[in-house]
């Protein structure tokens, strides 16, 4: 699905696309290098971003830890635009409710 450097290239291009208002990726798997998007997600001020993982393909615990560590940062220090992130089992996370409240507030 993704080349090794695709996520890095996307993270580098998104800030340059001033006319773009929404960026959505669906049916993601662990092939998506989430870590390379993390800094952009925390610094993003204008773009609505949705990253939705395939609900039928479980993520490894290590990959979930990477995603959840960013979610903790978002909850503790919300960026101007809260990304919408969903992945299998997220509703069971201890961070789920706080993140959902924050996202719904659009903070």
PDB file of N, CA and C in Angstrom:
ATOM      1  N   UNK A   1       0.828  -1.193   0.000  1.00  0.00           N
ATOM      2  CA  UNK A   1       0.000   0.000   0.000  1.00  0.00           C
ATOM      3  C   UNK A   1       0.873   1.258   0.000  1.00  0.00           C
ATOM      4  N   UNK A   2       1.814   1.363   0.937  1.00  0.00           N
ATOM      5  CA  UNK A   2       2.690   2.522   1.031  1.00  0.00           C
ATOM      6  C   UNK A   2       4.132   2.096   0.850  1.00  0.00           C
ATOM      7  N   UNK A   3       4.883   2.909   0.134  1.00  0.00           N
ATOM      8  CA  UNK A   3       6.329   2.730   0.088  1.00  0.00           C
ATOM      9  C   UNK A   3       6.871   3.182   1.440  1.00  0.00           C
ATOM     10  N   UNK A   4       8.075   2.819   1.762  1.00  0.00           N
ATOM     11  CA  UNK A   4       8.670   3.140   3.058  1.00  0.00           C
ATOM     12  C   UNK A   4       8.688   4.641   3.342  1.00  0.00           C
ATOM     13  N   UNK A   5       8.899   5.458   2.336  1.00  0.00           N
ATOM     14  CA  UNK A   5       9.016   6.900   2.558  1.00  0.00           C
ATOM     15  C   UNK A   5       7.766   7.702   2.193  1.00  0.00           C
ATOM     16  N   UNK A   6       6.679   7.045   1.845  1.00  0.00           N
ATOM     17  CA  UNK A   6       5.471   7.754   1.415  1.00  0.00           C
ATOM     18  C   UNK A   6       4.924   8.667   2.506  1.00  0.00           C
ATOM     19  N   UNK A   7       4.830   8.171   3.723  1.00  0.00           N
ATOM     20  CA  UNK A   7       4.286   8.981   4.821  1.00  0.00           C
ATOM     21  C   UNK A   7       5.146  10.214   5.069  1.00  0.00           C
ATOM     22  N   UNK A   8       6.457  10.055   4.984  1.00  0.00           N
ATOM     23  CA  UNK A   8       7.355  11.198   5.174  1.00  0.00           C
ATOM     24  C   UNK A   8       7.142  12.243   4.083  1.00  0.00           C
ATOM     25  N   UNK A   9       6.985  11.779   2.847  1.00  0.00           N
ATOM     26  CA  UNK A   9       6.762  12.704   1.736  1.00  0.00           C
ATOM     27  C   UNK A   9       5.440  13.447   1.906  1.00  0.00           C
ATOM     28  N   UNK A  10       4.396  12.721   2.310  1.00  0.00           N
ATOM     29  CA  UNK A  10       3.087  13.344   2.529  1.00  0.00           C
ATOM     30  C   UNK A  10       3.186  14.390   3.635  1.00  0.00           C
ATOM     31  N   UNK A  11       3.837  14.052   4.732  1.00  0.00           N
ATOM     32  CA  UNK A  11       3.995  14.988   5.848  1.00  0.00           C
ATOM     33  C   UNK A  11       4.757  16.242   5.416  1.00  0.00           C
ATOM     34  N   UNK A  12       5.673  16.095   4.487  1.00  0.00           N
ATOM     35  CA  UNK A  12       6.418  17.239   3.982  1.00  0.00           C
ATOM     36  C   UNK A  12       5.621  18.089   3.002  1.00  0.00           C
ATOM     37  N   UNK A  13       4.718  17.465   2.261  1.00  0.00           N
ATOM     38  CA  UNK A  13       3.925  18.192   1.263  1.00  0.00           C
ATOM     39  C   UNK A  13       2.700  18.893   1.838  1.00  0.00           C
ATOM     40  N   UNK A  14       2.052  18.302   2.818  1.00  0.00           N
ATOM     41  CA  UNK A  14       0.797  18.859   3.333  1.00  0.00           C
ATOM     42  C   UNK A  14       0.892  20.321   3.774  1.00  0.00           C
ATOM     43  N   UNK A  15       1.937  20.733   4.481  1.00  0.00           N
ATOM     44  CA  UNK A  15       2.005  22.147   4.879  1.00  0.00           C
ATOM     45  C   UNK A  15       2.115  23.112   3.694  1.00  0.00           C
ATOM     46  N   UNK A  16       2.549  22.615   2.558  1.00  0.00           N
ATOM     47  CA  UNK A  16       2.722  23.463   1.378  1.00  0.00           C
ATOM     48  C   UNK A  16       1.427  23.653   0.598  1.00  0.00           C
ATOM     49  N   UNK A  17       0.443  22.811   0.831  1.00  0.00           N
ATOM     50  CA  UNK A  17      -0.811  22.850   0.081  1.00  0.00           C
ATOM     51  C   UNK A  17      -1.807  23.763   0.783  1.00  0.00           C
ATOM     52  N   UNK A  18      -1.642  25.049   0.627  1.00  0.00           N
ATOM     53  CA  UNK A  18      -2.425  26.056   1.355  1.00  0.00           C
ATOM     54  C   UNK A  18      -3.914  26.031   1.011  1.00  0.00           C
ATOM     55  N   UNK A  19      -4.270  25.589  -0.172  1.00  0.00           N
ATOM     56  CA  UNK A  19      -5.677  25.546  -0.592  1.00  0.00           C
ATOM     57  C   UNK A  19      -6.414  24.311  -0.072  1.00  0.00           C
ATOM     58  N   UNK A  20      -5.677  23.328   0.365  1.00  0.00           N
ATOM     59  CA  UNK A  20      -6.267  22.081   0.846  1.00  0.00           C
ATOM     60  C   UNK A  20      -6.864  22.292   2.230  1.00  0.00           C
ATOM     61  N   UNK A  21      -8.123  21.857   2.428  1.00  0.00           N
ATOM     62  CA  UNK A  21      -8.755  22.037   3.730  1.00  0.00           C
ATOM     63  C   UNK A  21      -8.968  20.719   4.464  1.00  0.00           C
ATOM     64  N   UNK A  22      -9.001  19.610   3.725  1.00  0.00           N
ATOM     65  CA  UNK A  22      -9.283  18.302   4.320  1.00  0.00           C
ATOM     66  C   UNK A  22      -8.354  17.257   3.716  1.00  0.00           C
ATOM     67  N   UNK A  23      -7.843  16.379   4.581  1.00  0.00           N
ATOM     68  CA  UNK A  23      -6.994  15.276   4.137  1.00  0.00           C
ATOM     69  C   UNK A  23      -7.441  14.027   4.871  1.00  0.00           C
ATOM     70  N   UNK A  24      -7.931  13.035   4.118  1.00  0.00           N
ATOM     71  CA  UNK A  24      -8.479  11.813   4.713  1.00  0.00           C
ATOM     72  C   UNK A  24      -7.787  10.593   4.121  1.00  0.00           C
ATOM     73  N   UNK A  25      -7.320   9.709   5.006  1.00  0.00           N
ATOM     74  CA  UNK A  25      -6.795   8.411   4.591  1.00  0.00           C
ATOM     75  C   UNK A  25      -7.600   7.342   5.315  1.00  0.00           C
ATOM     76  N   UNK A  26      -8.158   6.411   4.555  1.00  0.00           N
ATOM     77  CA  UNK A  26      -8.985   5.349   5.126  1.00  0.00           C
ATOM     78  C   UNK A  26      -8.368   3.984   4.862  1.00  0.00           C
ATOM     79  N   UNK A  27      -8.811   3.006   5.633  1.00  0.00           N
ATOM     80  CA  UNK A  27      -8.360   1.614   5.499  1.00  0.00           C
ATOM     81  C   UNK A  27      -6.855   1.469   5.671  1.00  0.00           C
ATOM     82  N   UNK A  28      -6.295   2.289   6.541  1.00  0.00           N
ATOM     83  CA  UNK A  28      -4.854   2.211   6.797  1.00  0.00           C
ATOM     84  C   UNK A  28      -4.494   0.924   7.531  1.00  0.00           C
ATOM     85  N   UNK A  29      -3.261   0.507   7.357  1.00  0.00           N
ATOM     86  CA  UNK A  29      -2.703  -0.648   8.068  1.00  0.00           C
ATOM     87  C   UNK A  29      -1.365  -0.203   8.656  1.00  0.00           C
ATOM     88  N   UNK A  30      -0.654  -1.113   9.259  1.00  0.00           N
ATOM     89  CA  UNK A  30       0.654  -0.795   9.823  1.00  0.00           C
ATOM     90  C   UNK A  30       1.675  -0.411   8.755  1.00  0.00           C
ATOM     91  N   UNK A  31       1.356  -0.618   7.501  1.00  0.00           N
ATOM     92  CA  UNK A  31       2.252  -0.181   6.425  1.00  0.00           C
ATOM     93  C   UNK A  31       2.368   1.342   6.405  1.00  0.00           C
ATOM     94  N   UNK A  32       1.390   2.038   6.984  1.00  0.00           N
ATOM     95  CA  UNK A  32       1.426   3.491   7.069  1.00  0.00           C
ATOM     96  C   UNK A  32       2.354   3.889   8.212  1.00  0.00           C
ATOM     97  N   UNK A  33       3.375   4.674   7.913  1.00  0.00           N
ATOM     98  CA  UNK A  33       4.356   5.096   8.911  1.00  0.00           C
ATOM     99  C   UNK A  33       3.795   6.270   9.714  1.00  0.00           C
ATOM    100  N   UNK A  34       3.036   5.941  10.734  1.00  0.00           N
ATOM    101  CA  UNK A  34       2.366   6.943  11.556  1.00  0.00           C
ATOM    102  C   UNK A  34       3.365   7.889  12.222  1.00  0.00           C
ATOM    103  N   UNK A  35       4.466   7.356  12.674  1.00  0.00           N
ATOM    104  CA  UNK A  35       5.453   8.160  13.392  1.00  0.00           C
ATOM    105  C   UNK A  35       5.956   9.331  12.551  1.00  0.00           C
ATOM    106  N   UNK A  36       6.066   9.155  11.243  1.00  0.00           N
ATOM    107  CA  UNK A  36       6.574  10.232  10.399  1.00  0.00           C
ATOM    108  C   UNK A  36       5.546  11.355  10.213  1.00  0.00           C
ATOM    109  N   UNK A  37       4.289  11.108  10.544  1.00  0.00           N
ATOM    110  CA  UNK A  37       3.241  12.128  10.459  1.00  0.00           C
ATOM    111  C   UNK A  37       3.019  12.831  11.795  1.00  0.00           C
ATOM    112  N   UNK A  38       3.560  12.293  12.866  1.00  0.00           N
ATOM    113  CA  UNK A  38       3.245  12.770  14.216  1.00  0.00           C
ATOM    114  C   UNK A  38       3.549  14.260  14.401  1.00  0.00           C
ATOM    115  N   UNK A  39       4.728  14.708  14.015  1.00  0.00           N
ATOM    116  CA  UNK A  39       5.076  16.122  14.193  1.00  0.00           C
ATOM    117  C   UNK A  39       4.112  17.027  13.442  1.00  0.00           C
ATOM    118  N   UNK A  40       3.798  16.648  12.210  1.00  0.00           N
ATOM    119  CA  UNK A  40       2.862  17.462  11.436  1.00  0.00           C
ATOM    120  C   UNK A  40       1.496  17.511  12.117  1.00  0.00           C
ATOM    121  N   UNK A  41       1.012  16.383  12.626  1.00  0.00           N
ATOM    122  CA  UNK A  41      -0.293  16.358  13.284  1.00  0.00           C
ATOM    123  C   UNK A  41      -0.329  17.277  14.503  1.00  0.00           C
ATOM    124  N   UNK A  42       0.766  17.381  15.210  1.00  0.00           N
ATOM    125  CA  UNK A  42       0.829  18.241  16.387  1.00  0.00           C
ATOM    126  C   UNK A  42       0.972  19.724  16.038  1.00  0.00           C
ATOM    127  N   UNK A  43       1.553  20.023  14.880  1.00  0.00           N
ATOM    128  CA  UNK A  43       1.788  21.414  14.477  1.00  0.00           C
ATOM    129  C   UNK A  43       0.725  21.959  13.531  1.00  0.00           C
ATOM    130  N   UNK A  44      -0.106  21.095  12.985  1.00  0.00           N
ATOM    131  CA  UNK A  44      -1.110  21.489  12.008  1.00  0.00           C
ATOM    132  C   UNK A  44      -2.057  22.546  12.589  1.00  0.00           C
ATOM    133  N   UNK A  45      -2.278  23.603  11.838  1.00  0.00           N
ATOM    134  CA  UNK A  45      -3.170  24.666  12.298  1.00  0.00           C
ATOM    135  C   UNK A  45      -4.401  24.846  11.415  1.00  0.00           C
ATOM    136  N   UNK A  46      -4.395  24.338  10.189  1.00  0.00           N
ATOM    137  CA  UNK A  46      -5.467  24.658   9.257  1.00  0.00           C
ATOM    138  C   UNK A  46      -6.222  23.460   8.694  1.00  0.00           C
ATOM    139  N   UNK A  47      -5.569  22.373   8.550  1.00  0.00           N
ATOM    140  CA  UNK A  47      -6.093  21.241   7.801  1.00  0.00           C
ATOM    141  C   UNK A  47      -6.870  20.269   8.686  1.00  0.00           C
ATOM    142  N   UNK A  48      -8.079  19.874   8.243  1.00  0.00           N
ATOM    143  CA  UNK A  48      -8.782  18.799   8.927  1.00  0.00           C
ATOM    144  C   UNK A  48      -8.179  17.494   8.432  1.00  0.00           C
ATOM    145  N   UNK A  49      -7.708  16.665   9.360  1.00  0.00           N
ATOM    146  CA  UNK A  49      -7.061  15.403   9.002  1.00  0.00           C
ATOM    147  C   UNK A  49      -7.812  14.250   9.641  1.00  0.00           C
ATOM    148  N   UNK A  50      -8.080  13.235   8.842  1.00  0.00           N
ATOM    149  CA  UNK A  50      -8.706  12.010   9.331  1.00  0.00           C
ATOM    150  C   UNK A  50      -7.832  10.831   8.917  1.00  0.00           C
ATOM    151  N   UNK A  51      -7.408  10.058   9.912  1.00  0.00           N
ATOM    152  CA  UNK A  51      -6.636   8.837   9.667  1.00  0.00           C
ATOM    153  C   UNK A  51      -7.444   7.682  10.239  1.00  0.00           C
ATOM    154  N   UNK A  52      -7.997   6.864   9.365  1.00  0.00           N
ATOM    155  CA  UNK A  52      -8.858   5.764   9.792  1.00  0.00           C
ATOM    156  C   UNK A  52      -8.230   4.428   9.394  1.00  0.00           C
ATOM    157  N   UNK A  53      -7.951   3.633  10.388  1.00  0.00           N
ATOM    158  CA  UNK A  53      -7.351   2.315  10.151  1.00  0.00           C
ATOM    159  C   UNK A  53      -8.427   1.290   9.848  1.00  0.00           C
ATOM    160  N   UNK A  54      -8.070   0.302   9.056  1.00  0.00           N
ATOM    161  CA  UNK A  54      -8.987  -0.767   8.690  1.00  0.00           C
ATOM    162  C   UNK A  54      -9.413  -1.519   9.951  1.00  0.00           C
ATOM    163  N   UNK A  55     -10.703  -1.520  10.226  1.00  0.00           N
ATOM    164  CA  UNK A  55     -11.233  -2.156  11.441  1.00  0.00           C
ATOM    165  C   UNK A  55     -11.120  -3.676  11.407  1.00  0.00           C
ATOM    166  N   UNK A  56     -10.894  -4.248  10.240  1.00  0.00           N
ATOM    167  CA  UNK A  56     -10.811  -5.699  10.105  1.00  0.00           C
ATOM    168  C   UNK A  56      -9.388  -6.248  10.200  1.00  0.00           C
ATOM    169  N   UNK A  57      -8.423  -5.336  10.313  1.00  0.00           N
ATOM    170  CA  UNK A  57      -7.021  -5.760  10.401  1.00  0.00           C
ATOM    171  C   UNK A  57      -6.447  -5.242  11.716  1.00  0.00           C
ATOM    172  N   UNK A  58      -6.275  -6.116  12.689  1.00  0.00           N
ATOM    173  CA  UNK A  58      -5.762  -5.667  13.992  1.00  0.00           C
ATOM    174  C   UNK A  58      -4.353  -5.091  13.883  1.00  0.00           C
ATOM    175  N   UNK A  59      -4.080  -4.120  14.755  1.00  0.00           N
ATOM    176  CA  UNK A  59      -2.746  -3.529  14.831  1.00  0.00           C
ATOM    177  C   UNK A  59      -1.965  -4.208  15.947  1.00  0.00           C
ATOM    178  N   UNK A  60      -0.671  -4.299  15.779  1.00  0.00           N
ATOM    179  CA  UNK A  60       0.169  -4.882  16.832  1.00  0.00           C
ATOM    180  C   UNK A  60       0.158  -3.952  18.043  1.00  0.00           C
ATOM    181  N   UNK A  61       0.470  -4.490  19.197  1.00  0.00           N
ATOM    182  CA  UNK A  61       0.487  -3.667  20.404  1.00  0.00           C
ATOM    183  C   UNK A  61       1.545  -2.569  20.293  1.00  0.00           C
ATOM    184  N   UNK A  62       2.667  -2.861  19.657  1.00  0.00           N
ATOM    185  CA  UNK A  62       3.707  -1.855  19.476  1.00  0.00           C
ATOM    186  C   UNK A  62       3.242  -0.687  18.622  1.00  0.00           C
ATOM    187  N   UNK A  63       2.518  -0.986  17.556  1.00  0.00           N
ATOM    188  CA  UNK A  63       2.019   0.074  16.680  1.00  0.00           C
ATOM    189  C   UNK A  63       0.960   0.899  17.411  1.00  0.00           C
ATOM    190  N   UNK A  64       0.073   0.218  18.154  1.00  0.00           N
ATOM    191  CA  UNK A  64      -0.938   0.940  18.933  1.00  0.00           C
ATOM    192  C   UNK A  64      -0.278   1.881  19.930  1.00  0.00           C
ATOM    193  N   UNK A  65       0.825   1.455  20.525  1.00  0.00           N
ATOM    194  CA  UNK A  65       1.538   2.305  21.486  1.00  0.00           C
ATOM    195  C   UNK A  65       2.039   3.584  20.816  1.00  0.00           C
ATOM    196  N   UNK A  66       2.506   3.477  19.575  1.00  0.00           N
ATOM    197  CA  UNK A  66       2.975   4.655  18.838  1.00  0.00           C
ATOM    198  C   UNK A  66       1.816   5.625  18.621  1.00  0.00           C
ATOM    199  N   UNK A  67       0.678   5.100  18.181  1.00  0.00           N
ATOM    200  CA  UNK A  67      -0.491   5.947  17.932  1.00  0.00           C
ATOM    201  C   UNK A  67      -1.002   6.546  19.245  1.00  0.00           C
ATOM    202  N   UNK A  68      -1.106   5.717  20.276  1.00  0.00           N
ATOM    203  CA  UNK A  68      -1.620   6.210  21.557  1.00  0.00           C
ATOM    204  C   UNK A  68      -0.686   7.240  22.189  1.00  0.00           C
ATOM    205  N   UNK A  69       0.611   7.120  21.970  1.00  0.00           N
ATOM    206  CA  UNK A  69       1.526   8.116  22.542  1.00  0.00           C
ATOM    207  C   UNK A  69       1.260   9.494  21.929  1.00  0.00           C
ATOM    208  N   UNK A  70       0.921   9.536  20.649  1.00  0.00           N
ATOM    209  CA  UNK A  70       0.569  10.811  20.033  1.00  0.00           C
ATOM    210  C   UNK A  70      -0.771  11.302  20.569  1.00  0.00           C
ATOM    211  N   UNK A  71      -1.703  10.400  20.765  1.00  0.00           N
ATOM    212  CA  UNK A  71      -3.013  10.789  21.289  1.00  0.00           C
ATOM    213  C   UNK A  71      -2.863  11.391  22.684  1.00  0.00           C
ATOM    214  N   UNK A  72      -1.982  10.839  23.489  1.00  0.00           N
ATOM    215  CA  UNK A  72      -1.712  11.403  24.821  1.00  0.00           C
ATOM    216  C   UNK A  72      -1.191  12.838  24.677  1.00  0.00           C
ATOM    217  N   UNK A  73      -0.275  13.057  23.742  1.00  0.00           N
ATOM    218  CA  UNK A  73       0.254  14.408  23.517  1.00  0.00           C
ATOM    219  C   UNK A  73      -0.849  15.361  23.080  1.00  0.00           C
ATOM    220  N   UNK A  74      -1.754  14.865  22.226  1.00  0.00           N
ATOM    221  CA  UNK A  74      -2.870  15.690  21.755  1.00  0.00           C
ATOM    222  C   UNK A  74      -3.776  16.067  22.923  1.00  0.00           C
ATOM    223  N   UNK A  75      -4.080  15.112  23.777  1.00  0.00           N
ATOM    224  CA  UNK A  75      -4.957  15.370  24.923  1.00  0.00           C
ATOM    225  C   UNK A  75      -4.287  16.334  25.907  1.00  0.00           C
ATOM    226  N   UNK A  76      -3.010  16.133  26.157  1.00  0.00           N
ATOM    227  CA  UNK A  76      -2.300  16.974  27.129  1.00  0.00           C
ATOM    228  C   UNK A  76      -2.039  18.384  26.614  1.00  0.00           C
ATOM    229  N   UNK A  77      -1.703  18.496  25.335  1.00  0.00           N
ATOM    230  CA  UNK A  77      -1.410  19.795  24.728  1.00  0.00           C
ATOM    231  C   UNK A  77      -2.086  19.840  23.355  1.00  0.00           C
ATOM    232  N   UNK A  78      -3.373  20.157  23.329  1.00  0.00           N
ATOM    233  CA  UNK A  78      -4.112  20.097  22.063  1.00  0.00           C
ATOM    234  C   UNK A  78      -3.566  21.048  20.995  1.00  0.00           C
ATOM    235  N   UNK A  79      -3.375  20.523  19.791  1.00  0.00           N
ATOM    236  CA  UNK A  79      -3.005  21.403  18.675  1.00  0.00           C
ATOM    237  C   UNK A  79      -4.215  22.235  18.263  1.00  0.00           C
ATOM    238  N   UNK A  80      -3.982  23.199  17.394  1.00  0.00           N
ATOM    239  CA  UNK A  80      -5.076  24.068  16.937  1.00  0.00           C
ATOM    240  C   UNK A  80      -6.180  23.249  16.239  1.00  0.00           C
ATOM    241  N   UNK A  81      -5.783  22.272  15.432  1.00  0.00           N
ATOM    242  CA  UNK A  81      -6.741  21.382  14.758  1.00  0.00           C
ATOM    243  C   UNK A  81      -6.506  19.964  15.258  1.00  0.00           C
ATOM    244  N   UNK A  82      -7.521  19.372  15.830  1.00  0.00           N
ATOM    245  CA  UNK A  82      -7.434  18.015  16.365  1.00  0.00           C
ATOM    246  C   UNK A  82      -7.648  17.028  15.218  1.00  0.00           C
ATOM    247  N   UNK A  83      -6.693  16.153  14.956  1.00  0.00           N
ATOM    248  CA  UNK A  83      -6.907  15.151  13.904  1.00  0.00           C
ATOM    249  C   UNK A  83      -7.920  14.101  14.371  1.00  0.00           C
ATOM    250  N   UNK A  84      -8.644  13.559  13.442  1.00  0.00           N
ATOM    251  CA  UNK A  84      -9.567  12.465  13.756  1.00  0.00           C
ATOM    252  C   UNK A  84      -8.833  11.157  13.465  1.00  0.00           C
ATOM    253  N   UNK A  85      -8.564  10.400  14.517  1.00  0.00           N
ATOM    254  CA  UNK A  85      -7.811   9.150  14.390  1.00  0.00           C
ATOM    255  C   UNK A  85      -8.646   8.012  14.941  1.00  0.00           C
ATOM    256  N   UNK A  86      -8.836   6.977  14.132  1.00  0.00           N
ATOM    257  CA  UNK A  86      -9.547   5.783  14.604  1.00  0.00           C
ATOM    258  C   UNK A  86      -8.732   4.549  14.232  1.00  0.00           C
ATOM    259  N   UNK A  87      -8.751   3.582  15.139  1.00  0.00           N
ATOM    260  CA  UNK A  87      -8.074   2.320  14.858  1.00  0.00           C
ATOM    261  C   UNK A  87      -8.749   1.212  15.644  1.00  0.00           C
ATOM    262  N   UNK A  88      -8.600  -0.055  15.209  1.00  0.00           N
ATOM    263  CA  UNK A  88      -9.263  -1.172  15.885  1.00  0.00           C
ATOM    264  C   UNK A  88      -8.876  -1.245  17.359  1.00  0.00           C
ATOM    265  N   UNK A  89      -9.889  -1.272  18.221  1.00  0.00           N
ATOM    266  CA  UNK A  89      -9.651  -1.385  19.655  1.00  0.00           C
ATOM    267  C   UNK A  89      -9.468  -0.058  20.360  1.00  0.00           C
ATOM    268  N   UNK A  90      -9.484   1.057  19.629  1.00  0.00           N
ATOM    269  CA  UNK A  90      -9.270   2.359  20.258  1.00  0.00           C
ATOM    270  C   UNK A  90     -10.330   2.651  21.318  1.00  0.00           C
ATOM    271  N   UNK A  91     -11.550   2.192  21.084  1.00  0.00           N
ATOM    272  CA  UNK A  91     -12.626   2.452  22.047  1.00  0.00           C
ATOM    273  C   UNK A  91     -12.357   1.802  23.405  1.00  0.00           C
ATOM    274  N   UNK A  92     -11.421   0.866  23.472  1.00  0.00           N
ATOM    275  CA  UNK A  92     -11.048   0.222  24.734  1.00  0.00           C
ATOM    276  C   UNK A  92      -9.866   0.907  25.412  1.00  0.00           C
ATOM    277  N   UNK A  93      -9.306   1.912  24.780  1.00  0.00           N
ATOM    278  CA  UNK A  93      -8.142   2.609  25.316  1.00  0.00           C
ATOM    279  C   UNK A  93      -8.548   3.520  26.473  1.00  0.00           C
ATOM    280  N   UNK A  94      -7.653   3.679  27.433  1.00  0.00           N
ATOM    281  CA  UNK A  94      -7.928   4.583  28.551  1.00  0.00           C
ATOM    282  C   UNK A  94      -7.951   6.047  28.093  1.00  0.00           C
ATOM    283  N   UNK A  95      -7.444   6.328  26.914  1.00  0.00           N
ATOM    284  CA  UNK A  95      -7.394   7.689  26.390  1.00  0.00           C
ATOM    285  C   UNK A  95      -8.591   8.025  25.497  1.00  0.00           C
ATOM    286  N   UNK A  96      -9.391   7.029  25.174  1.00  0.00           N
ATOM    287  CA  UNK A  96     -10.464   7.187  24.182  1.00  0.00           C
ATOM    288  C   UNK A  96     -11.442   8.300  24.555  1.00  0.00           C
ATOM    289  N   UNK A  97     -11.990   8.264  25.758  1.00  0.00           N
ATOM    290  CA  UNK A  97     -13.017   9.240  26.136  1.00  0.00           C
ATOM    291  C   UNK A  97     -12.490  10.670  26.127  1.00  0.00           C
ATOM    292  N   UNK A  98     -11.306  10.883  26.690  1.00  0.00           N
ATOM    293  CA  UNK A  98     -10.733  12.236  26.700  1.00  0.00           C
ATOM    294  C   UNK A  98     -10.473  12.735  25.286  1.00  0.00           C
ATOM    295  N   UNK A  99      -9.963  11.849  24.443  1.00  0.00           N
ATOM    296  CA  UNK A  99      -9.685  12.234  23.061  1.00  0.00           C
ATOM    297  C   UNK A  99     -10.985  12.560  22.320  1.00  0.00           C
ATOM    298  N   UNK A 100     -11.998  11.734  22.481  1.00  0.00           N
ATOM    299  CA  UNK A 100     -13.273  11.969  21.798  1.00  0.00           C
ATOM    300  C   UNK A 100     -13.903  13.286  22.239  1.00  0.00           C
ATOM    301  N   UNK A 101     -13.847  13.586  23.533  1.00  0.00           N
ATOM    302  CA  UNK A 101     -14.393  14.872  24.017  1.00  0.00           C
ATOM    303  C   UNK A 101     -13.652  16.028  23.364  1.00  0.00           C
ATOM    304  N   UNK A 102     -12.350  15.939  23.331  1.00  0.00           N
ATOM    305  CA  UNK A 102     -11.533  16.989  22.741  1.00  0.00           C
ATOM    306  C   UNK A 102     -11.838  17.149  21.260  1.00  0.00           C
ATOM    307  N   UNK A 103     -11.933  16.027  20.544  1.00  0.00           N
ATOM    308  CA  UNK A 103     -12.211  16.090  19.104  1.00  0.00           C
ATOM    309  C   UNK A 103     -13.575  16.700  18.848  1.00  0.00           C
ATOM    310  N   UNK A 104     -14.575  16.299  19.625  1.00  0.00           N
ATOM    311  CA  UNK A 104     -15.939  16.813  19.424  1.00  0.00           C
ATOM    312  C   UNK A 104     -16.039  18.301  19.729  1.00  0.00           C
ATOM    313  N   UNK A 105     -15.229  18.778  20.663  1.00  0.00           N
ATOM    314  CA  UNK A 105     -15.207  20.212  20.964  1.00  0.00           C
ATOM    315  C   UNK A 105     -14.542  20.996  19.837  1.00  0.00           C
ATOM    316  N   UNK A 106     -13.761  20.278  19.025  1.00  0.00           N
ATOM    317  CA  UNK A 106     -13.068  20.929  17.915  1.00  0.00           C
ATOM    318  C   UNK A 106     -11.970  21.844  18.395  1.00  0.00           C
ATOM    319  N   UNK A 107     -11.460  21.571  19.576  1.00  0.00           N
ATOM    320  CA  UNK A 107     -10.428  22.406  20.181  1.00  0.00           C
ATOM    321  C   UNK A 107      -9.134  22.355  19.427  1.00  0.00           C
TER     322      UNK A 107
END
